[in-house]
Amino acid sequence: MLRKLFSKRSKDIIDPRNDPYGKYNGNEIVYVSQALDTKTRSERKPFTLQLETAFKEKFGMKYAITENSGTSTLHTCLAAAGVGAGDEVICPAQTVVMTATTILHQNAIPVFADIDPDTLNIDPKDIERKITSKTKAIYAVHMHGLPADMDAIMSLAEKHNLVVIEDAAQCVLGMYKGRIAGSIGHMSSFSFENKKHLSAGEGGIVLTNNEKFGTIVRKTAFNGYKILSAGQELRQLLPTEFQDPHYKRHDILGWNYRMNEVTAAVALAQVERMDFIVKRRQKVASYFYEAVDECTWIKPQLIPEGYVSSYWSFCALYEGELLLGRTWKDFYNAYKEAGGDGFYGGLSVVYEEIVIKDLQFIESGYLPSHAGPCEYAKSFKWQKGICPVAEAVQPKIMQFKTNYRNLEDAKKQANILKNVILSFK
């Protein structure tokens, strides 16, 4: 198979396995070639099944369901939780906008909880303040690789009969008090998007121990086929009844979110190297910690005792504007001018995004208009000041990349950062 792939007709293709710093230098090329080989397809397990098996075993979970993106996985988790029109879902104020938009796609209402100023994760105390009789679920997002305070969140969920969905897209192999992030809530969502720890270009996966939730996730991710279950996808289940013109295939509303075989092949090879990939990010983060160790105006994200971050990024707060009279942008420019790769600012507070702030999702006609019979549309109002910590912290966030595959490159960047800190006045 590989001889064919690297034939004279494809002589210019470089085998990524020969690149020590390559992103896909495991078994990706082997598995993709197998996925494309239609002659042997019937002789092997689908790569989606292999990926699901490997992932759930790694996390010690009963069910894993592959999908085409991390956004899709969040959406189907909400569907499994029974979130619908007029329900409320609590999510952090400072995170990716998709937490809110997936809620809106269920015709439900995002309720924003503030974040902890030190861990930068959702604050359980504010979650409790935001719970109402309409609350159905909580998004526990693990930001920058650090798990949220899951004991406190699960306690609130049990008290109020709520479903907890862990968004672990940035937290592969993060640990919370001896437990692996993504194994604590009722469901968890992971992403294989290009910048994540494990990258297949796109893709996502849901984990759960709840068969009912897993079945609904599976069915809603694949057009509502009635024969699907938490543990089996359609490619494993092709009953002879499918050939019967009287057979009815679909029994619930679903979408086409399933993962394709090529993506699954790449993701499986990434999962095989999961420990190595995460440890390398943690090593890169250690270099940045050394660089800012004695700096009084760069404050790294707090990692509480008993927590282990997987460092999707090395995240810190810039306090130089208050202590030095120099702006975030001043420091960013100085770092870039010194040869640094730069760093990312914090994502906007979600309710300040245009689509939320200006109610563009209503104006588009996707949801019921204000003039219609839908009373809960009046709940789509979010004012500046509802999450003061997130609003104050967000402009200070600095996210340094940790996905350097050559550790020497990472050391160079950390040294540049250290030198800029020493010279910055």
Foldseek 3Di string as FASTA:
>chain_A
DVCVVCDPVNVVDDQLLVPLLDPQNFCLVVQLVVQPPPVCVVVDDFLQLVLFVLVCVVQVFDFKAKFFALLLLLLLLCVLLVQAAAAEEEEAQFDDLSNQVSSVLRNYHYDHAAADLFQRWGDLVRVVVRDDPRYAEYEGEQPQQWGDQLVSVVVVCVVNVHFYEYECQAHAQKFALNHGPQARTQKYKYWQDPLTLHHLNTMMMMTHNDFSSLQSSQCQQCQAFPVGTRNDHVVVPDDPCVVPPPDDTHDDGHDNTHDRRSSSSSRSRSSVCNVVSLVLLVVLLVLLCVLCVPPPQKAWRDRDPSIGGSRSWGKTFGRCCVVPVDFPVRLQVLLVVLPAPGWDAGGHRNCPDCCLVVVVVQVVVVHPHPPDPRPSVVVSDDDPPPHVSCVVGRRGMTTHHSNRSDVVVSNVNSVSSSVSSVPPD
